[in-house]
Amino acid sequence: MPENGDYTWEDIGRAAYSMVVLSPVEDLTSKRQLQMALQFAGFNPTSSRLSFHWPQTRTRMQFNQFIEILETEPKPTDYGLLSSFEKLDPSNSGKA
């Protein structure tokens, strides 16, 4: 992730965006494409966050707008990931 200095959010965003559309020159054209791009970038957006970034009036999103979202959304952390798994397995038994 960008914290280690090897990659910027733009690098990660470009790779994630390119998994959904062919190049950063193309626009995202649906909320589902935005969700997929965010997931490829390591985020797991809630439906309310998706609706915030993709209101019903939106029809397109450019690459630079996607990068702005990556830079402003709370960053995924190891603690957050572990906390999510602990909710699925509160006894730490390894079974969901």
PDB file of N, CA and C in Angstrom:
ATOM      1  N   MET A   1       0.840  -1.169   0.000  1.00  0.00           N
ATOM      2  CA  MET A   1       0.000   0.000   0.000  1.00  0.00           C
ATOM      3  C   MET A   1       0.892   1.240   0.000  1.00  0.00           C
ATOM      4  N   PRO A   2       0.325   2.390  -0.253  1.00  0.00           N
ATOM      5  CA  PRO A   2       1.122   3.604  -0.384  1.00  0.00           C
ATOM      6  C   PRO A   2       1.953   3.961   0.830  1.00  0.00           C
ATOM      7  N   GLU A   3       1.568   3.494   2.019  1.00  0.00           N
ATOM      8  CA  GLU A   3       2.296   3.868   3.216  1.00  0.00           C
ATOM      9  C   GLU A   3       3.760   3.431   3.179  1.00  0.00           C
ATOM     10  N   ASN A   4       4.060   2.365   2.435  1.00  0.00           N
ATOM     11  CA  ASN A   4       5.434   1.890   2.436  1.00  0.00           C
ATOM     12  C   ASN A   4       6.301   2.614   1.414  1.00  0.00           C
ATOM     13  N   GLY A   5       5.737   3.540   0.653  1.00  0.00           N
ATOM     14  CA  GLY A   5       6.516   4.340  -0.270  1.00  0.00           C
ATOM     15  C   GLY A   5       6.707   3.721  -1.637  1.00  0.00           C
ATOM     16  N   ASP A   6       6.334   2.463  -1.809  1.00  0.00           N
ATOM     17  CA  ASP A   6       6.527   1.822  -3.105  1.00  0.00           C
ATOM     18  C   ASP A   6       5.479   2.232  -4.127  1.00  0.00           C
ATOM     19  N   TYR A   7       4.256   2.452  -3.688  1.00  0.00           N
ATOM     20  CA  TYR A   7       3.154   2.760  -4.584  1.00  0.00           C
ATOM     21  C   TYR A   7       2.391   3.968  -4.077  1.00  0.00           C
ATOM     22  N   THR A   8       1.846   4.734  -4.998  1.00  0.00           N
ATOM     23  CA  THR A   8       0.958   5.837  -4.628  1.00  0.00           C
ATOM     24  C   THR A   8      -0.478   5.366  -4.809  1.00  0.00           C
ATOM     25  N   TRP A   9      -1.425   6.135  -4.278  1.00  0.00           N
ATOM     26  CA  TRP A   9      -2.823   5.786  -4.494  1.00  0.00           C
ATOM     27  C   TRP A   9      -3.167   5.873  -5.970  1.00  0.00           C
ATOM     28  N   GLU A  10      -2.460   6.735  -6.705  1.00  0.00           N
ATOM     29  CA  GLU A  10      -2.705   6.803  -8.147  1.00  0.00           C
ATOM     30  C   GLU A  10      -2.237   5.525  -8.835  1.00  0.00           C
ATOM     31  N   ASP A  11      -1.106   4.969  -8.407  1.00  0.00           N
ATOM     32  CA  ASP A  11      -0.630   3.694  -8.970  1.00  0.00           C
ATOM     33  C   ASP A  11      -1.639   2.580  -8.708  1.00  0.00           C
ATOM     34  N   ILE A  12      -2.075   2.488  -7.468  1.00  0.00           N
ATOM     35  CA  ILE A  12      -3.043   1.455  -7.093  1.00  0.00           C
ATOM     36  C   ILE A  12      -4.361   1.692  -7.820  1.00  0.00           C
ATOM     37  N   GLY A  13      -4.789   2.956  -7.879  1.00  0.00           N
ATOM     38  CA  GLY A  13      -6.024   3.301  -8.563  1.00  0.00           C
ATOM     39  C   GLY A  13      -5.981   2.990 -10.045  1.00  0.00           C
ATOM     40  N   ARG A  14      -4.845   3.247 -10.689  1.00  0.00           N
ATOM     41  CA  ARG A  14      -4.707   2.964 -12.117  1.00  0.00           C
ATOM     42  C   ARG A  14      -4.843   1.464 -12.378  1.00  0.00           C
ATOM     43  N   ALA A  15      -4.219   0.656 -11.549  1.00  0.00           N
ATOM     44  CA  ALA A  15      -4.308  -0.799 -11.714  1.00  0.00           C
ATOM     45  C   ALA A  15      -5.744  -1.272 -11.470  1.00  0.00           C
ATOM     46  N   ALA A  16      -6.378  -0.770 -10.412  1.00  0.00           N
ATOM     47  CA  ALA A  16      -7.748  -1.178 -10.086  1.00  0.00           C
ATOM     48  C   ALA A  16      -8.723  -0.727 -11.165  1.00  0.00           C
ATOM     49  N   TYR A  17      -8.576   0.510 -11.614  1.00  0.00           N
ATOM     50  CA  TYR A  17      -9.448   1.084 -12.645  1.00  0.00           C
ATOM     51  C   TYR A  17      -9.318   0.277 -13.935  1.00  0.00           C
ATOM     52  N   SER A  18      -8.088  -0.108 -14.263  1.00  0.00           N
ATOM     53  CA  SER A  18      -7.831  -0.867 -15.492  1.00  0.00           C
ATOM     54  C   SER A  18      -8.380  -2.291 -15.438  1.00  0.00           C
ATOM     55  N   MET A  19      -8.687  -2.776 -14.254  1.00  0.00           N
ATOM     56  CA  MET A  19      -9.322  -4.089 -14.140  1.00  0.00           C
ATOM     57  C   MET A  19     -10.795  -4.018 -14.536  1.00  0.00           C
ATOM     58  N   VAL A  20     -11.362  -2.813 -14.523  1.00  0.00           N
ATOM     59  CA  VAL A  20     -12.792  -2.634 -14.796  1.00  0.00           C
ATOM     60  C   VAL A  20     -13.022  -2.085 -16.207  1.00  0.00           C
ATOM     61  N   VAL A  21     -12.252  -1.095 -16.604  1.00  0.00           N
ATOM     62  CA  VAL A  21     -12.328  -0.546 -17.961  1.00  0.00           C
ATOM     63  C   VAL A  21     -10.936  -0.649 -18.578  1.00  0.00           C
ATOM     64  N   LEU A  22     -10.844  -0.550 -19.882  1.00  0.00           N
ATOM     65  CA  LEU A  22      -9.570  -0.813 -20.556  1.00  0.00           C
ATOM     66  C   LEU A  22      -8.459   0.173 -20.236  1.00  0.00           C
ATOM     67  N   SER A  23      -8.788   1.431 -20.014  1.00  0.00           N
ATOM     68  CA  SER A  23      -7.737   2.413 -19.741  1.00  0.00           C
ATOM     69  C   SER A  23      -8.312   3.576 -18.946  1.00  0.00           C
ATOM     70  N   PRO A  24      -7.441   4.370 -18.307  1.00  0.00           N
ATOM     71  CA  PRO A  24      -7.901   5.530 -17.547  1.00  0.00           C
ATOM     72  C   PRO A  24      -8.560   6.602 -18.419  1.00  0.00           C
ATOM     73  N   VAL A  25      -8.456   6.488 -19.736  1.00  0.00           N
ATOM     74  CA  VAL A  25      -9.111   7.440 -20.626  1.00  0.00           C
ATOM     75  C   VAL A  25     -10.621   7.187 -20.658  1.00  0.00           C
ATOM     76  N   GLU A  26     -11.028   5.944 -20.435  1.00  0.00           N
ATOM     77  CA  GLU A  26     -12.447   5.601 -20.418  1.00  0.00           C
ATOM     78  C   GLU A  26     -13.059   5.950 -19.060  1.00  0.00           C
ATOM     79  N   ASP A  27     -14.348   6.258 -19.065  1.00  0.00           N
ATOM     80  CA  ASP A  27     -15.069   6.564 -17.831  1.00  0.00           C
ATOM     81  C   ASP A  27     -15.731   5.311 -17.270  1.00  0.00           C
ATOM     82  N   LEU A  28     -15.870   5.297 -15.951  1.00  0.00           N
ATOM     83  CA  LEU A  28     -16.757   4.310 -15.340  1.00  0.00           C
ATOM     84  C   LEU A  28     -18.182   4.739 -15.671  1.00  0.00           C
ATOM     85  N   THR A  29     -19.053   3.783 -15.936  1.00  0.00           N
ATOM     86  CA  THR A  29     -20.409   4.139 -16.367  1.00  0.00           C
ATOM     87  C   THR A  29     -21.508   3.557 -15.482  1.00  0.00           C
ATOM     88  N   SER A  30     -21.135   2.962 -14.338  1.00  0.00           N
ATOM     89  CA  SER A  30     -22.166   2.443 -13.445  1.00  0.00           C
ATOM     90  C   SER A  30     -21.633   2.370 -12.016  1.00  0.00           C
ATOM     91  N   LYS A  31     -22.566   2.333 -11.090  1.00  0.00           N
ATOM     92  CA  LYS A  31     -22.212   2.177  -9.677  1.00  0.00           C
ATOM     93  C   LYS A  31     -21.492   0.846  -9.464  1.00  0.00           C
ATOM     94  N   ARG A  32     -21.917  -0.181 -10.187  1.00  0.00           N
ATOM     95  CA  ARG A  32     -21.290  -1.503 -10.074  1.00  0.00           C
ATOM     96  C   ARG A  32     -19.817  -1.447 -10.500  1.00  0.00           C
ATOM     97  N   GLN A  33     -19.523  -0.706 -11.574  1.00  0.00           N
ATOM     98  CA  GLN A  33     -18.127  -0.561 -11.993  1.00  0.00           C
ATOM     99  C   GLN A  33     -17.321   0.166 -10.921  1.00  0.00           C
ATOM    100  N   LEU A  34     -17.897   1.180 -10.307  1.00  0.00           N
ATOM    101  CA  LEU A  34     -17.209   1.883  -9.224  1.00  0.00           C
ATOM    102  C   LEU A  34     -16.936   0.933  -8.069  1.00  0.00           C
ATOM    103  N   GLN A  35     -17.927   0.150  -7.691  1.00  0.00           N
ATOM    104  CA  GLN A  35     -17.755  -0.805  -6.601  1.00  0.00           C
ATOM    105  C   GLN A  35     -16.627  -1.786  -6.917  1.00  0.00           C
ATOM    106  N   MET A  36     -16.617  -2.316  -8.123  1.00  0.00           N
ATOM    107  CA  MET A  36     -15.571  -3.267  -8.506  1.00  0.00           C
ATOM    108  C   MET A  36     -14.194  -2.616  -8.467  1.00  0.00           C
ATOM    109  N   ALA A  37     -14.070  -1.397  -8.986  1.00  0.00           N
ATOM    110  CA  ALA A  37     -12.784  -0.705  -8.989  1.00  0.00           C
ATOM    111  C   ALA A  37     -12.309  -0.442  -7.559  1.00  0.00           C
ATOM    112  N   LEU A  38     -13.219  -0.026  -6.693  1.00  0.00           N
ATOM    113  CA  LEU A  38     -12.843   0.202  -5.292  1.00  0.00           C
ATOM    114  C   LEU A  38     -12.403  -1.100  -4.627  1.00  0.00           C
ATOM    115  N   GLN A  39     -13.087  -2.180  -4.924  1.00  0.00           N
ATOM    116  CA  GLN A  39     -12.701  -3.468  -4.349  1.00  0.00           C
ATOM    117  C   GLN A  39     -11.338  -3.906  -4.860  1.00  0.00           C
ATOM    118  N   PHE A  40     -11.065  -3.711  -6.140  1.00  0.00           N
ATOM    119  CA  PHE A  40      -9.742  -4.050  -6.677  1.00  0.00           C
ATOM    120  C   PHE A  40      -8.648  -3.199  -6.031  1.00  0.00           C
ATOM    121  N   ALA A  41      -9.007  -1.994  -5.568  1.00  0.00           N
ATOM    122  CA  ALA A  41      -8.041  -1.112  -4.910  1.00  0.00           C
ATOM    123  C   ALA A  41      -7.891  -1.438  -3.422  1.00  0.00           C
ATOM    124  N   GLY A  42      -8.660  -2.415  -2.923  1.00  0.00           N
ATOM    125  CA  GLY A  42      -8.516  -2.837  -1.537  1.00  0.00           C
ATOM    126  C   GLY A  42      -9.573  -2.302  -0.596  1.00  0.00           C
ATOM    127  N   PHE A  43     -10.584  -1.633  -1.112  1.00  0.00           N
ATOM    128  CA  PHE A  43     -11.655  -1.080  -0.292  1.00  0.00           C
ATOM    129  C   PHE A  43     -12.867  -2.004  -0.345  1.00  0.00           C
ATOM    130  N   ASN A  44     -13.702  -1.908   0.680  1.00  0.00           N
ATOM    131  CA  ASN A  44     -14.951  -2.657   0.700  1.00  0.00           C
ATOM    132  C   ASN A  44     -16.062  -1.665   1.047  1.00  0.00           C
ATOM    133  N   PRO A  45     -16.499  -0.889   0.047  1.00  0.00           N
ATOM    134  CA  PRO A  45     -17.439   0.195   0.333  1.00  0.00           C
ATOM    135  C   PRO A  45     -18.827  -0.305   0.717  1.00  0.00           C
ATOM    136  N   THR A  46     -19.436   0.390   1.659  1.00  0.00           N
ATOM    137  CA  THR A  46     -20.819   0.085   2.020  1.00  0.00           C
ATOM    138  C   THR A  46     -21.730   0.645   0.932  1.00  0.00           C
ATOM    139  N   SER A  47     -22.969   0.198   0.937  1.00  0.00           N
ATOM    140  CA  SER A  47     -23.914   0.707  -0.063  1.00  0.00           C
ATOM    141  C   SER A  47     -24.139   2.206   0.123  1.00  0.00           C
ATOM    142  N   SER A  48     -24.087   2.691   1.358  1.00  0.00           N
ATOM    143  CA  SER A  48     -24.281   4.135   1.572  1.00  0.00           C
ATOM    144  C   SER A  48     -23.098   4.934   1.024  1.00  0.00           C
ATOM    145  N   ARG A  49     -21.879   4.411   1.161  1.00  0.00           N
ATOM    146  CA  ARG A  49     -20.714   5.114   0.601  1.00  0.00           C
ATOM    147  C   ARG A  49     -20.746   5.081  -0.927  1.00  0.00           C
ATOM    148  N   LEU A  50     -21.173   3.955  -1.491  1.00  0.00           N
ATOM    149  CA  LEU A  50     -21.306   3.879  -2.948  1.00  0.00           C
ATOM    150  C   LEU A  50     -22.333   4.889  -3.434  1.00  0.00           C
ATOM    151  N   SER A  51     -23.460   4.978  -2.749  1.00  0.00           N
ATOM    152  CA  SER A  51     -24.504   5.924  -3.145  1.00  0.00           C
ATOM    153  C   SER A  51     -24.038   7.369  -2.972  1.00  0.00           C
ATOM    154  N   PHE A  52     -23.195   7.616  -1.990  1.00  0.00           N
ATOM    155  CA  PHE A  52     -22.631   8.950  -1.801  1.00  0.00           C
ATOM    156  C   PHE A  52     -21.780   9.333  -3.007  1.00  0.00           C
ATOM    157  N   HIS A  53     -20.934   8.416  -3.449  1.00  0.00           N
ATOM    158  CA  HIS A  53     -20.034   8.695  -4.576  1.00  0.00           C
ATOM    159  C   HIS A  53     -20.720   8.535  -5.933  1.00  0.00           C
ATOM    160  N   TRP A  54     -21.801   7.758  -5.973  1.00  0.00           N
ATOM    161  CA  TRP A  54     -22.521   7.550  -7.227  1.00  0.00           C
ATOM    162  C   TRP A  54     -24.013   7.803  -6.995  1.00  0.00           C
ATOM    163  N   PRO A  55     -24.410   9.097  -6.902  1.00  0.00           N
ATOM    164  CA  PRO A  55     -25.838   9.396  -6.717  1.00  0.00           C
ATOM    165  C   PRO A  55     -26.630   9.002  -7.966  1.00  0.00           C
ATOM    166  N   GLN A  56     -27.926   8.948  -7.838  1.00  0.00           N
ATOM    167  CA  GLN A  56     -28.778   8.524  -8.948  1.00  0.00           C
ATOM    168  C   GLN A  56     -28.619   9.398 -10.184  1.00  0.00           C
ATOM    169  N   THR A  57     -28.190  10.628 -10.017  1.00  0.00           N
ATOM    170  CA  THR A  57     -28.035  11.533 -11.156  1.00  0.00           C
ATOM    171  C   THR A  57     -26.724  11.334 -11.913  1.00  0.00           C
ATOM    172  N   ARG A  58     -25.798  10.580 -11.341  1.00  0.00           N
ATOM    173  CA  ARG A  58     -24.498  10.385 -11.999  1.00  0.00           C
ATOM    174  C   ARG A  58     -24.622   9.346 -13.108  1.00  0.00           C
ATOM    175  N   THR A  59     -23.942   9.618 -14.219  1.00  0.00           N
ATOM    176  CA  THR A  59     -23.909   8.658 -15.328  1.00  0.00           C
ATOM    177  C   THR A  59     -22.497   8.247 -15.698  1.00  0.00           C
ATOM    178  N   ARG A  60     -21.500   9.023 -15.253  1.00  0.00           N
ATOM    179  CA  ARG A  60     -20.117   8.737 -15.614  1.00  0.00           C
ATOM    180  C   ARG A  60     -19.184   9.175 -14.473  1.00  0.00           C
ATOM    181  N   MET A  61     -18.018   8.559 -14.432  1.00  0.00           N
ATOM    182  CA  MET A  61     -16.983   8.986 -13.493  1.00  0.00           C
ATOM    183  C   MET A  61     -15.631   8.859 -14.194  1.00  0.00           C
ATOM    184  N   GLN A  62     -14.875   9.939 -14.171  1.00  0.00           N
ATOM    185  CA  GLN A  62     -13.557   9.952 -14.795  1.00  0.00           C
ATOM    186  C   GLN A  62     -12.505   9.400 -13.841  1.00  0.00           C
ATOM    187  N   PHE A  63     -11.371   9.023 -14.395  1.00  0.00           N
ATOM    188  CA  PHE A  63     -10.279   8.450 -13.617  1.00  0.00           C
ATOM    189  C   PHE A  63      -9.853   9.381 -12.483  1.00  0.00           C
ATOM    190  N   ASN A  64      -9.695  10.662 -12.765  1.00  0.00           N
ATOM    191  CA  ASN A  64      -9.242  11.585 -11.712  1.00  0.00           C
ATOM    192  C   ASN A  64     -10.251  11.682 -10.572  1.00  0.00           C
ATOM    193  N   GLN A  65     -11.543  11.543 -10.869  1.00  0.00           N
ATOM    194  CA  GLN A  65     -12.560  11.532  -9.812  1.00  0.00           C
ATOM    195  C   GLN A  65     -12.436  10.271  -8.965  1.00  0.00           C
ATOM    196  N   PHE A  66     -12.131   9.153  -9.604  1.00  0.00           N
ATOM    197  CA  PHE A  66     -11.919   7.898  -8.885  1.00  0.00           C
ATOM    198  C   PHE A  66     -10.725   8.022  -7.942  1.00  0.00           C
ATOM    199  N   ILE A  67      -9.650   8.622  -8.417  1.00  0.00           N
ATOM    200  CA  ILE A  67      -8.452   8.808  -7.584  1.00  0.00           C
ATOM    201  C   ILE A  67      -8.780   9.694  -6.383  1.00  0.00           C
ATOM    202  N   GLU A  68      -9.583  10.721  -6.570  1.00  0.00           N
ATOM    203  CA  GLU A  68      -9.989  11.580  -5.450  1.00  0.00           C
ATOM    204  C   GLU A  68     -10.722  10.771  -4.379  1.00  0.00           C
ATOM    205  N   ILE A  69     -11.538   9.820  -4.806  1.00  0.00           N
ATOM    206  CA  ILE A  69     -12.241   8.958  -3.846  1.00  0.00           C
ATOM    207  C   ILE A  69     -11.226   8.132  -3.067  1.00  0.00           C
ATOM    208  N   LEU A  70     -10.256   7.548  -3.760  1.00  0.00           N
ATOM    209  CA  LEU A  70      -9.237   6.743  -3.073  1.00  0.00           C
ATOM    210  C   LEU A  70      -8.481   7.569  -2.047  1.00  0.00           C
ATOM    211  N   GLU A  71      -8.229   8.822  -2.379  1.00  0.00           N
ATOM    212  CA  GLU A  71      -7.447   9.674  -1.483  1.00  0.00           C
ATOM    213  C   GLU A  71      -8.250  10.158  -0.284  1.00  0.00           C
ATOM    214  N   THR A  72      -9.594  10.161  -0.388  1.00  0.00           N
ATOM    215  CA  THR A  72     -10.405  10.697   0.708  1.00  0.00           C
ATOM    216  C   THR A  72     -11.091   9.627   1.554  1.00  0.00           C
ATOM    217  N   GLU A  73     -11.296   8.447   1.015  1.00  0.00           N
ATOM    218  CA  GLU A  73     -11.944   7.385   1.783  1.00  0.00           C
ATOM    219  C   GLU A  73     -11.011   6.891   2.887  1.00  0.00           C
ATOM    220  N   PRO A  74     -11.570   6.449   4.017  1.00  0.00           N
ATOM    221  CA  PRO A  74     -10.719   5.858   5.057  1.00  0.00           C
ATOM    222  C   PRO A  74      -9.956   4.665   4.483  1.00  0.00           C
ATOM    223  N   LYS A  75      -8.679   4.620   4.779  1.00  0.00           N
ATOM    224  CA  LYS A  75      -7.821   3.583   4.210  1.00  0.00           C
ATOM    225  C   LYS A  75      -8.020   2.249   4.915  1.00  0.00           C
ATOM    226  N   PRO A  76      -7.995   1.166   4.143  1.00  0.00           N
ATOM    227  CA  PRO A  76      -8.079  -0.157   4.773  1.00  0.00           C
ATOM    228  C   PRO A  76      -6.842  -0.392   5.642  1.00  0.00           C
ATOM    229  N   THR A  77      -7.053  -1.007   6.806  1.00  0.00           N
ATOM    230  CA  THR A  77      -5.943  -1.286   7.712  1.00  0.00           C
ATOM    231  C   THR A  77      -5.977  -2.750   8.133  1.00  0.00           C
ATOM    232  N   ASP A  78      -4.854  -3.235   8.613  1.00  0.00           N
ATOM    233  CA  ASP A  78      -4.810  -4.596   9.135  1.00  0.00           C
ATOM    234  C   ASP A  78      -5.778  -4.753  10.301  1.00  0.00           C
ATOM    235  N   TYR A  79      -5.826  -3.736  11.180  1.00  0.00           N
ATOM    236  CA  TYR A  79      -6.722  -3.788  12.336  1.00  0.00           C
ATOM    237  C   TYR A  79      -8.177  -3.886  11.879  1.00  0.00           C
ATOM    238  N   GLY A  80      -8.555  -3.086  10.883  1.00  0.00           N
ATOM    239  CA  GLY A  80      -9.922  -3.118  10.375  1.00  0.00           C
ATOM    240  C   GLY A  80     -10.283  -4.472   9.789  1.00  0.00           C
ATOM    241  N   LEU A  81      -9.337  -5.062   9.078  1.00  0.00           N
ATOM    242  CA  LEU A  81      -9.571  -6.381   8.488  1.00  0.00           C
ATOM    243  C   LEU A  81      -9.731  -7.431   9.584  1.00  0.00           C
ATOM    244  N   LEU A  82      -8.851  -7.400  10.565  1.00  0.00           N
ATOM    245  CA  LEU A  82      -8.945  -8.365  11.661  1.00  0.00           C
ATOM    246  C   LEU A  82     -10.230  -8.172  12.463  1.00  0.00           C
ATOM    247  N   SER A  83     -10.629  -6.930  12.675  1.00  0.00           N
ATOM    248  CA  SER A  83     -11.873  -6.667  13.397  1.00  0.00           C
ATOM    249  C   SER A  83     -13.072  -7.234  12.653  1.00  0.00           C
ATOM    250  N   SER A  84     -13.056  -7.119  11.339  1.00  0.00           N
ATOM    251  CA  SER A  84     -14.160  -7.664  10.540  1.00  0.00           C
ATOM    252  C   SER A  84     -14.222  -9.180  10.661  1.00  0.00           C
ATOM    253  N   PHE A  85     -13.066  -9.828  10.627  1.00  0.00           N
ATOM    254  CA  PHE A  85     -13.043 -11.281  10.757  1.00  0.00           C
ATOM    255  C   PHE A  85     -13.468 -11.722  12.162  1.00  0.00           C
ATOM    256  N   GLU A  86     -13.102 -10.940  13.177  1.00  0.00           N
ATOM    257  CA  GLU A  86     -13.503 -11.278  14.541  1.00  0.00           C
ATOM    258  C   GLU A  86     -15.022 -11.222  14.707  1.00  0.00           C
ATOM    259  N   LYS A  87     -15.701 -10.351  13.947  1.00  0.00           N
ATOM    260  CA  LYS A  87     -17.160 -10.306  14.004  1.00  0.00           C
ATOM    261  C   LYS A  87     -17.767 -11.585  13.436  1.00  0.00           C
ATOM    262  N   LEU A  88     -17.091 -12.172  12.448  1.00  0.00           N
ATOM    263  CA  LEU A  88     -17.568 -13.435  11.866  1.00  0.00           C
ATOM    264  C   LEU A  88     -17.224 -14.636  12.748  1.00  0.00           C
ATOM    265  N   ASP A  89     -16.140 -14.507  13.511  1.00  0.00           N
ATOM    266  CA  ASP A  89     -15.664 -15.606  14.341  1.00  0.00           C
ATOM    267  C   ASP A  89     -15.272 -15.081  15.719  1.00  0.00           C
ATOM    268  N   PRO A  90     -16.260 -14.695  16.546  1.00  0.00           N
ATOM    269  CA  PRO A  90     -15.949 -14.068  17.832  1.00  0.00           C
ATOM    270  C   PRO A  90     -15.152 -14.949  18.795  1.00  0.00           C
ATOM    271  N   SER A  91     -15.240 -16.263  18.653  1.00  0.00           N
ATOM    272  CA  SER A  91     -14.502 -17.143  19.563  1.00  0.00           C
ATOM    273  C   SER A  91     -13.105 -17.473  19.026  1.00  0.00           C
ATOM    274  N   ASN A  92     -12.744 -16.918  17.882  1.00  0.00           N
ATOM    275  CA  ASN A  92     -11.445 -17.184  17.241  1.00  0.00           C
ATOM    276  C   ASN A  92     -11.201 -18.687  17.052  1.00  0.00           C
ATOM    277  N   SER A  93     -12.256 -19.411  16.719  1.00  0.00           N
ATOM    278  CA  SER A  93     -12.135 -20.868  16.522  1.00  0.00           C
ATOM    279  C   SER A  93     -11.727 -21.239  15.109  1.00  0.00           C
ATOM    280  N   GLY A  94     -11.752 -20.267  14.204  1.00  0.00           N
ATOM    281  CA  GLY A  94     -11.424 -20.558  12.823  1.00  0.00           C
ATOM    282  C   GLY A  94     -12.615 -21.039  12.019  1.00  0.00           C
ATOM    283  N   LYS A  95     -13.789 -20.987  12.635  1.00  0.00           N
ATOM    284  CA  LYS A  95     -15.009 -21.405  11.954  1.00  0.00           C
ATOM    285  C   LYS A  95     -15.978 -20.232  11.882  1.00  0.00           C
ATOM    286  N   ALA A  96     -16.585 -20.071  10.734  1.00  0.00           N
ATOM    287  CA  ALA A  96     -17.543 -18.967  10.581  1.00  0.00           C
ATOM    288  C   ALA A  96     -18.935 -19.407  10.952  1.00  0.00           C
TER     289      ALA A  96
END
